[in-house]
Amino acid sequence: MSIIRPMKYYSYEQFAADTNKLIQKVKGFEPDAIVGIARGGLTLSHAVAEGLNIREVQTLRTELYDEDTKRSCITIHNTITLSEIKKVLVLDDIADSGDTLKAVMESLLCGNPNIEFKSATLYYKKTSIYEPHFWVNEATEWIDFFWERDFKQD
C-alpha cells in the first residue's frame, strides 16, 4: 500500500537554476571526479559534470525505496575505481532520510581513506540523519522531480 504524501513538482527550469547555484557552491572544492548515486543523482551528476568540466564521472546504484515504500536496509551495487583521484563530489537529488548518503559516504571513505569526499544535493530535509556538505533547498514535502514524472510511460 502506497502512502499518500503532499507533493511539490520540481520542473526542469527549477532544476537548471538550482544546479547552477549548486555548481557555484561546490566549485571551490575543486573535485577531480564525480560519483552519482543512481537513479536520483544521475541527471544532476551529468549537469554538474558539464558545469565543472569534469570528465571522470562514475555511478553507484543504491536501493532503499520500492516506489515510495522504504525498505528496512539499503543495498549498494557497483564498484568504482578512483586511482589517482584526490577529491570526489558525491551527488544525489535529495537527502530525505539521509540513509542513502550516509551509507554511500561511509562505504566510499572506508574503501578510499586517502581521498577527500564531499556530498551535494538539490534538496535536504532537516530530519535527515545526514546533512550533505552542499545543498540548495530545504525539503518540507515530497519532491516530484521532473525526471520521475515527465518520462513515465503508461
N, C-alpha and C. Protein backbone atom coordinates (compact mmCIF):
# COMPACT_ATOMS: atom_id res chain seq x y z
N MET A 1 0.83 -1.18 0.00
CA MET A 1 0.00 0.00 0.00
C MET A 1 0.88 1.24 0.00
N SER A 2 0.64 2.14 -0.90
CA SER A 2 1.42 3.37 -1.01
C SER A 2 0.90 4.41 -0.03
N ILE A 3 1.84 5.22 0.44
CA ILE A 3 1.49 6.32 1.34
C ILE A 3 1.21 7.55 0.48
N ILE A 4 0.12 8.24 0.76
CA ILE A 4 -0.19 9.47 0.03
C ILE A 4 0.46 10.64 0.76
N ARG A 5 1.30 11.37 0.02
CA ARG A 5 2.02 12.49 0.60
C ARG A 5 1.74 13.75 -0.22
N PRO A 6 1.79 14.93 0.45
CA PRO A 6 1.72 16.16 -0.35
C PRO A 6 2.97 16.24 -1.21
N MET A 7 2.82 16.65 -2.49
CA MET A 7 3.95 16.66 -3.41
C MET A 7 4.16 18.04 -4.00
N LYS A 8 5.43 18.30 -4.25
CA LYS A 8 5.82 19.53 -4.95
C LYS A 8 6.48 19.09 -6.25
N TYR A 9 5.93 19.55 -7.38
CA TYR A 9 6.52 19.23 -8.68
C TYR A 9 7.77 20.08 -8.86
N TYR A 10 8.85 19.43 -9.26
CA TYR A 10 10.14 20.09 -9.48
C TYR A 10 10.45 20.06 -10.97
N SER A 11 10.33 21.21 -11.62
CA SER A 11 10.44 21.32 -13.07
C SER A 11 11.89 21.38 -13.55
N TYR A 12 12.06 21.19 -14.85
CA TYR A 12 13.39 21.33 -15.45
C TYR A 12 13.93 22.74 -15.22
N GLU A 13 13.08 23.75 -15.33
CA GLU A 13 13.53 25.13 -15.14
C GLU A 13 14.06 25.36 -13.73
N GLN A 14 13.39 24.80 -12.73
CA GLN A 14 13.88 24.89 -11.35
C GLN A 14 15.20 24.14 -11.21
N PHE A 15 15.26 22.96 -11.82
CA PHE A 15 16.47 22.15 -11.80
C PHE A 15 17.66 22.91 -12.38
N ALA A 16 17.47 23.54 -13.53
CA ALA A 16 18.56 24.27 -14.18
C ALA A 16 19.06 25.41 -13.28
N ALA A 17 18.14 26.17 -12.71
CA ALA A 17 18.53 27.27 -11.83
C ALA A 17 19.23 26.77 -10.57
N ASP A 18 18.68 25.73 -9.95
CA ASP A 18 19.28 25.19 -8.73
C ASP A 18 20.62 24.51 -8.98
N THR A 19 20.74 23.85 -10.12
CA THR A 19 22.01 23.20 -10.46
C THR A 19 23.10 24.25 -10.62
N ASN A 20 22.78 25.37 -11.25
CA ASN A 20 23.77 26.44 -11.36
C ASN A 20 24.16 27.00 -10.00
N LYS A 21 23.19 27.11 -9.09
CA LYS A 21 23.51 27.54 -7.71
C LYS A 21 24.43 26.52 -7.03
N LEU A 22 24.12 25.23 -7.22
CA LEU A 22 24.93 24.18 -6.60
C LEU A 22 26.35 24.19 -7.17
N ILE A 23 26.48 24.38 -8.46
CA ILE A 23 27.81 24.45 -9.09
C ILE A 23 28.63 25.57 -8.46
N GLN A 24 28.01 26.72 -8.22
CA GLN A 24 28.72 27.83 -7.59
C GLN A 24 29.17 27.47 -6.17
N LYS A 25 28.34 26.72 -5.46
CA LYS A 25 28.69 26.31 -4.10
C LYS A 25 29.84 25.31 -4.06
N VAL A 26 29.87 24.37 -5.02
CA VAL A 26 30.86 23.28 -4.95
C VAL A 26 32.16 23.57 -5.69
N LYS A 27 32.18 24.57 -6.55
CA LYS A 27 33.37 24.74 -7.40
C LYS A 27 34.63 25.04 -6.60
N GLY A 28 34.53 25.66 -5.45
CA GLY A 28 35.70 25.91 -4.61
C GLY A 28 36.34 24.64 -4.07
N PHE A 29 35.57 23.58 -4.00
CA PHE A 29 36.08 22.27 -3.57
C PHE A 29 37.04 21.69 -4.61
N GLU A 30 36.84 22.04 -5.87
CA GLU A 30 37.67 21.59 -7.00
C GLU A 30 37.78 20.06 -7.08
N PRO A 31 36.64 19.38 -7.24
CA PRO A 31 36.71 17.91 -7.32
C PRO A 31 37.38 17.43 -8.60
N ASP A 32 38.04 16.28 -8.48
CA ASP A 32 38.66 15.62 -9.64
C ASP A 32 37.68 14.68 -10.31
N ALA A 33 36.67 14.23 -9.56
CA ALA A 33 35.73 13.24 -10.06
C ALA A 33 34.37 13.45 -9.40
N ILE A 34 33.36 12.87 -10.05
CA ILE A 34 32.00 12.90 -9.53
C ILE A 34 31.52 11.45 -9.43
N VAL A 35 30.86 11.15 -8.31
CA VAL A 35 30.17 9.87 -8.17
C VAL A 35 28.69 10.21 -8.01
N GLY A 36 27.90 9.75 -8.97
CA GLY A 36 26.47 9.97 -8.93
C GLY A 36 25.77 8.76 -8.35
N ILE A 37 24.80 9.01 -7.50
CA ILE A 37 24.03 7.92 -6.90
C ILE A 37 22.79 7.69 -7.76
N ALA A 38 22.73 6.50 -8.35
CA ALA A 38 21.61 6.15 -9.23
C ALA A 38 20.40 5.75 -8.39
N ARG A 39 19.27 6.20 -8.81
CA ARG A 39 18.99 6.89 -10.05
C ARG A 39 18.85 8.39 -9.84
N GLY A 40 18.43 8.82 -8.67
CA GLY A 40 18.13 10.23 -8.46
C GLY A 40 19.26 11.20 -8.73
N GLY A 41 20.49 10.77 -8.54
CA GLY A 41 21.62 11.67 -8.72
C GLY A 41 22.21 11.69 -10.12
N LEU A 42 21.66 10.89 -11.03
CA LEU A 42 22.28 10.79 -12.36
C LEU A 42 22.10 12.05 -13.20
N THR A 43 20.91 12.60 -13.24
CA THR A 43 20.67 13.80 -14.02
C THR A 43 21.51 14.95 -13.47
N LEU A 44 21.54 15.07 -12.16
CA LEU A 44 22.33 16.11 -11.50
C LEU A 44 23.82 15.90 -11.77
N SER A 45 24.29 14.67 -11.71
CA SER A 45 25.71 14.38 -11.93
C SER A 45 26.15 14.81 -13.33
N HIS A 46 25.34 14.50 -14.32
CA HIS A 46 25.66 14.89 -15.69
C HIS A 46 25.73 16.41 -15.80
N ALA A 47 24.74 17.11 -15.26
CA ALA A 47 24.70 18.57 -15.36
C ALA A 47 25.87 19.21 -14.63
N VAL A 48 26.18 18.74 -13.42
CA VAL A 48 27.30 19.31 -12.66
C VAL A 48 28.63 19.00 -13.35
N ALA A 49 28.76 17.81 -13.90
CA ALA A 49 29.99 17.46 -14.62
C ALA A 49 30.20 18.40 -15.80
N GLU A 50 29.14 18.70 -16.51
CA GLU A 50 29.24 19.66 -17.62
C GLU A 50 29.63 21.04 -17.09
N GLY A 51 28.97 21.48 -16.03
CA GLY A 51 29.23 22.80 -15.46
C GLY A 51 30.63 22.98 -14.92
N LEU A 52 31.20 21.92 -14.37
CA LEU A 52 32.55 21.99 -13.81
C LEU A 52 33.61 21.43 -14.76
N ASN A 53 33.18 20.98 -15.93
CA ASN A 53 34.07 20.39 -16.93
C ASN A 53 34.86 19.20 -16.35
N ILE A 54 34.12 18.29 -15.72
CA ILE A 54 34.71 17.08 -15.14
C ILE A 54 34.31 15.90 -16.01
N ARG A 55 35.29 15.18 -16.51
CA ARG A 55 35.01 14.03 -17.36
C ARG A 55 34.96 12.72 -16.57
N GLU A 56 35.56 12.70 -15.39
CA GLU A 56 35.60 11.50 -14.56
C GLU A 56 34.30 11.42 -13.75
N VAL A 57 33.30 10.72 -14.32
CA VAL A 57 32.00 10.56 -13.68
C VAL A 57 31.71 9.07 -13.56
N GLN A 58 31.44 8.64 -12.34
CA GLN A 58 31.11 7.24 -12.10
C GLN A 58 29.80 7.18 -11.32
N THR A 59 29.22 5.98 -11.26
CA THR A 59 27.94 5.85 -10.57
C THR A 59 27.93 4.67 -9.61
N LEU A 60 27.14 4.82 -8.58
CA LEU A 60 26.78 3.74 -7.66
C LEU A 60 25.27 3.61 -7.71
N ARG A 61 24.80 2.39 -7.70
CA ARG A 61 23.35 2.16 -7.65
C ARG A 61 22.99 1.71 -6.25
N THR A 62 22.00 2.36 -5.70
CA THR A 62 21.52 2.00 -4.37
C THR A 62 20.05 1.64 -4.45
N GLU A 63 19.61 0.86 -3.49
CA GLU A 63 18.18 0.54 -3.38
C GLU A 63 17.76 0.70 -1.93
N LEU A 64 16.90 1.68 -1.72
CA LEU A 64 16.33 1.91 -0.40
C LEU A 64 14.81 2.01 -0.47
N TYR A 65 14.31 2.40 -1.64
CA TYR A 65 12.86 2.55 -1.81
C TYR A 65 12.36 1.65 -2.93
N ASP A 66 11.17 1.10 -2.74
CA ASP A 66 10.41 0.44 -3.79
C ASP A 66 9.22 1.35 -4.02
N GLU A 67 9.24 2.05 -5.18
CA GLU A 67 8.27 3.13 -5.43
C GLU A 67 8.41 4.14 -4.31
N ASP A 68 7.40 4.31 -3.45
CA ASP A 68 7.54 5.25 -2.34
C ASP A 68 7.53 4.54 -0.98
N THR A 69 7.80 3.24 -0.98
CA THR A 69 7.88 2.46 0.26
C THR A 69 9.33 2.20 0.61
N LYS A 70 9.73 2.61 1.81
CA LYS A 70 11.11 2.47 2.25
C LYS A 70 11.40 1.05 2.71
N ARG A 71 12.53 0.51 2.26
CA ARG A 71 12.96 -0.82 2.70
C ARG A 71 13.59 -0.73 4.10
N SER A 72 13.80 -1.87 4.70
CA SER A 72 14.40 -1.88 6.04
C SER A 72 15.92 -1.66 6.00
N CYS A 73 16.56 -1.96 4.86
CA CYS A 73 18.00 -1.71 4.76
C CYS A 73 18.37 -1.33 3.33
N ILE A 74 19.50 -0.67 3.21
CA ILE A 74 19.96 -0.20 1.91
C ILE A 74 20.90 -1.22 1.28
N THR A 75 20.87 -1.31 -0.03
CA THR A 75 21.80 -2.15 -0.78
C THR A 75 22.58 -1.22 -1.71
N ILE A 76 23.92 -1.36 -1.72
CA ILE A 76 24.78 -0.58 -2.62
C ILE A 76 25.36 -1.54 -3.64
N HIS A 77 25.14 -1.23 -4.93
CA HIS A 77 25.64 -2.04 -6.02
C HIS A 77 26.78 -1.30 -6.73
N ASN A 78 27.53 -2.02 -7.52
CA ASN A 78 28.60 -1.47 -8.36
C ASN A 78 29.86 -1.21 -7.52
N THR A 79 30.94 -1.13 -8.21
CA THR A 79 32.19 -0.68 -7.61
C THR A 79 32.72 0.45 -8.47
N ILE A 80 33.47 1.31 -7.87
CA ILE A 80 34.07 2.41 -8.61
C ILE A 80 35.58 2.35 -8.48
N THR A 81 36.27 2.91 -9.44
CA THR A 81 37.73 2.94 -9.43
C THR A 81 38.17 4.39 -9.39
N LEU A 82 38.91 4.75 -8.36
CA LEU A 82 39.31 6.13 -8.17
C LEU A 82 40.83 6.27 -8.07
N SER A 83 41.55 5.61 -8.97
CA SER A 83 43.01 5.69 -8.93
C SER A 83 43.46 7.10 -9.30
N GLU A 84 44.40 7.61 -8.55
CA GLU A 84 45.00 8.94 -8.74
C GLU A 84 43.99 10.08 -8.61
N ILE A 85 42.91 9.85 -7.91
CA ILE A 85 41.91 10.88 -7.63
C ILE A 85 42.12 11.36 -6.20
N LYS A 86 42.06 12.67 -6.00
CA LYS A 86 42.26 13.23 -4.67
C LYS A 86 40.96 13.75 -4.03
N LYS A 87 40.04 14.27 -4.87
CA LYS A 87 38.80 14.85 -4.36
C LYS A 87 37.62 14.36 -5.20
N VAL A 88 36.58 13.91 -4.50
CA VAL A 88 35.39 13.38 -5.19
C VAL A 88 34.14 14.05 -4.64
N LEU A 89 33.29 14.48 -5.56
CA LEU A 89 32.00 15.03 -5.21
C LEU A 89 30.94 13.96 -5.43
N VAL A 90 30.20 13.63 -4.38
CA VAL A 90 29.14 12.61 -4.44
C VAL A 90 27.81 13.34 -4.56
N LEU A 91 27.03 13.00 -5.60
CA LEU A 91 25.80 13.73 -5.88
C LEU A 91 24.57 12.84 -5.82
N ASP A 92 23.52 13.37 -5.20
CA ASP A 92 22.21 12.74 -5.20
C ASP A 92 21.17 13.86 -5.28
N ASP A 93 19.94 13.51 -5.60
CA ASP A 93 18.92 14.53 -5.74
C ASP A 93 18.47 15.11 -4.40
N ILE A 94 18.36 14.25 -3.38
CA ILE A 94 17.81 14.69 -2.10
C ILE A 94 18.39 13.88 -0.95
N ALA A 95 18.61 14.55 0.18
CA ALA A 95 18.90 13.86 1.43
C ALA A 95 17.58 13.87 2.19
N ASP A 96 16.81 12.80 2.02
CA ASP A 96 15.48 12.69 2.61
C ASP A 96 15.62 12.10 4.01
N SER A 97 15.74 10.80 4.11
CA SER A 97 16.02 10.19 5.41
C SER A 97 17.51 10.34 5.74
N GLY A 98 18.34 10.43 4.69
CA GLY A 98 19.78 10.51 4.86
C GLY A 98 20.45 9.15 4.85
N ASP A 99 19.66 8.09 4.86
CA ASP A 99 20.21 6.74 4.93
C ASP A 99 21.11 6.43 3.73
N THR A 100 20.67 6.80 2.54
CA THR A 100 21.45 6.50 1.34
C THR A 100 22.78 7.23 1.36
N LEU A 101 22.76 8.53 1.54
CA LEU A 101 24.01 9.30 1.52
C LEU A 101 24.95 8.88 2.63
N LYS A 102 24.42 8.64 3.81
CA LYS A 102 25.26 8.22 4.93
C LYS A 102 25.95 6.89 4.61
N ALA A 103 25.20 5.92 4.10
CA ALA A 103 25.78 4.61 3.77
C ALA A 103 26.80 4.72 2.65
N VAL A 104 26.48 5.49 1.61
CA VAL A 104 27.41 5.65 0.49
C VAL A 104 28.69 6.35 0.95
N MET A 105 28.56 7.43 1.68
CA MET A 105 29.74 8.17 2.14
C MET A 105 30.62 7.31 3.04
N GLU A 106 30.00 6.56 3.95
CA GLU A 106 30.79 5.68 4.82
C GLU A 106 31.50 4.60 4.02
N SER A 107 30.82 4.02 3.04
CA SER A 107 31.42 3.00 2.20
C SER A 107 32.58 3.56 1.38
N LEU A 108 32.39 4.72 0.78
CA LEU A 108 33.45 5.34 -0.02
C LEU A 108 34.66 5.71 0.84
N LEU A 109 34.41 6.29 1.99
CA LEU A 109 35.51 6.68 2.89
C LEU A 109 36.28 5.47 3.39
N CYS A 110 35.55 4.41 3.72
CA CYS A 110 36.18 3.19 4.22
C CYS A 110 37.07 2.57 3.15
N GLY A 111 36.62 2.54 1.92
CA GLY A 111 37.37 1.91 0.85
C GLY A 111 38.43 2.79 0.22
N ASN A 112 38.39 4.09 0.51
CA ASN A 112 39.32 5.04 -0.11
C ASN A 112 39.76 6.08 0.92
N PRO A 113 40.53 5.69 1.93
CA PRO A 113 40.84 6.60 3.03
C PRO A 113 41.72 7.80 2.66
N ASN A 114 42.36 7.76 1.51
CA ASN A 114 43.25 8.86 1.11
C ASN A 114 42.57 9.86 0.17
N ILE A 115 41.27 9.69 -0.04
CA ILE A 115 40.52 10.58 -0.92
C ILE A 115 39.60 11.45 -0.07
N GLU A 116 39.47 12.72 -0.44
CA GLU A 116 38.53 13.61 0.23
C GLU A 116 37.20 13.56 -0.51
N PHE A 117 36.15 13.19 0.21
CA PHE A 117 34.81 13.09 -0.35
C PHE A 117 33.93 14.18 0.24
N LYS A 118 33.15 14.82 -0.62
CA LYS A 118 32.12 15.75 -0.16
C LYS A 118 30.84 15.42 -0.92
N SER A 119 29.72 15.66 -0.27
CA SER A 119 28.42 15.33 -0.86
C SER A 119 27.64 16.59 -1.17
N ALA A 120 26.76 16.48 -2.17
CA ALA A 120 25.92 17.61 -2.55
C ALA A 120 24.58 17.10 -3.06
N THR A 121 23.54 17.85 -2.75
CA THR A 121 22.18 17.52 -3.19
C THR A 121 21.44 18.79 -3.57
N LEU A 122 20.37 18.61 -4.30
CA LEU A 122 19.48 19.73 -4.61
C LEU A 122 18.61 20.05 -3.40
N TYR A 123 18.19 19.00 -2.67
CA TYR A 123 17.31 19.16 -1.52
C TYR A 123 17.88 18.46 -0.29
N TYR A 124 17.61 19.06 0.86
CA TYR A 124 17.99 18.50 2.15
C TYR A 124 16.79 18.64 3.09
N LYS A 125 16.43 17.55 3.72
CA LYS A 125 15.34 17.56 4.70
C LYS A 125 15.98 17.64 6.08
N LYS A 126 15.56 18.59 6.88
CA LYS A 126 16.18 18.84 8.20
C LYS A 126 16.10 17.62 9.13
N THR A 127 15.18 16.70 8.87
CA THR A 127 15.08 15.50 9.71
C THR A 127 16.02 14.39 9.24
N SER A 128 16.77 14.63 8.19
CA SER A 128 17.71 13.65 7.65
C SER A 128 18.80 13.33 8.68
N ILE A 129 19.25 12.08 8.70
CA ILE A 129 20.34 11.70 9.61
C ILE A 129 21.70 12.12 9.06
N TYR A 130 21.73 12.59 7.82
CA TYR A 130 22.97 13.00 7.18
C TYR A 130 22.74 14.33 6.47
N GLU A 131 23.57 15.33 6.78
CA GLU A 131 23.49 16.61 6.08
C GLU A 131 24.59 16.69 5.04
N PRO A 132 24.23 16.87 3.78
CA PRO A 132 25.24 17.00 2.74
C PRO A 132 26.14 18.21 2.99
N HIS A 133 27.35 18.16 2.47
CA HIS A 133 28.26 19.29 2.59
C HIS A 133 27.71 20.52 1.87
N PHE A 134 27.03 20.27 0.74
CA PHE A 134 26.44 21.34 -0.06
C PHE A 134 24.99 20.96 -0.41
N TRP A 135 24.09 21.90 -0.30
CA TRP A 135 22.71 21.68 -0.73
C TRP A 135 22.09 23.04 -1.05
N VAL A 136 20.98 23.00 -1.81
CA VAL A 136 20.37 24.24 -2.28
C VAL A 136 19.05 24.54 -1.59
N ASN A 137 18.16 23.56 -1.50
CA ASN A 137 16.80 23.78 -0.99
C ASN A 137 16.51 22.90 0.21
N GLU A 138 15.67 23.42 1.12
CA GLU A 138 15.17 22.59 2.21
C GLU A 138 13.87 21.93 1.75
N ALA A 139 13.79 20.63 1.92
CA ALA A 139 12.58 19.89 1.57
C ALA A 139 11.63 19.86 2.76
N THR A 140 10.41 20.30 2.51
CA THR A 140 9.38 20.25 3.56
C THR A 140 8.21 19.38 3.15
N GLU A 141 8.28 18.86 1.91
CA GLU A 141 7.24 17.95 1.40
C GLU A 141 7.91 17.00 0.41
N TRP A 142 7.16 16.04 -0.07
CA TRP A 142 7.68 15.08 -1.04
C TRP A 142 7.96 15.81 -2.34
N ILE A 143 9.15 15.62 -2.92
CA ILE A 143 9.53 16.28 -4.17
C ILE A 143 9.29 15.32 -5.33
N ASP A 144 8.52 15.77 -6.30
CA ASP A 144 8.22 15.01 -7.50
C ASP A 144 9.09 15.59 -8.63
N PHE A 145 10.29 15.02 -8.79
CA PHE A 145 11.26 15.53 -9.75
C PHE A 145 10.78 15.30 -11.17
N PHE A 146 11.08 16.24 -12.07
CA PHE A 146 10.62 16.14 -13.46
C PHE A 146 11.04 14.83 -14.11
N TRP A 147 12.23 14.32 -13.78
CA TRP A 147 12.69 13.07 -14.40
C TRP A 147 11.93 11.86 -13.87
N GLU A 148 11.23 12.01 -12.75
CA GLU A 148 10.41 10.93 -12.23
C GLU A 148 9.00 10.95 -12.84
N ARG A 149 8.56 12.10 -13.27
CA ARG A 149 7.18 12.23 -13.76
C ARG A 149 7.10 12.36 -15.29
N ASP A 150 7.94 13.19 -15.86
CA ASP A 150 7.75 13.61 -17.25
C ASP A 150 8.04 12.52 -18.29
N PHE A 151 8.68 11.45 -17.91
CA PHE A 151 9.04 10.43 -18.89
C PHE A 151 8.34 9.09 -18.63
N LYS A 152 7.43 9.08 -17.68
CA LYS A 152 6.68 7.85 -17.38
C LYS A 152 5.82 7.44 -18.56
N GLN A 153 5.84 6.18 -18.85
CA GLN A 153 5.00 5.62 -19.92
C GLN A 153 3.87 4.85 -19.27
N ASP A 154 2.67 5.09 -19.69
CA ASP A 154 1.52 4.37 -19.11
C ASP A 154 1.32 3.03 -19.76
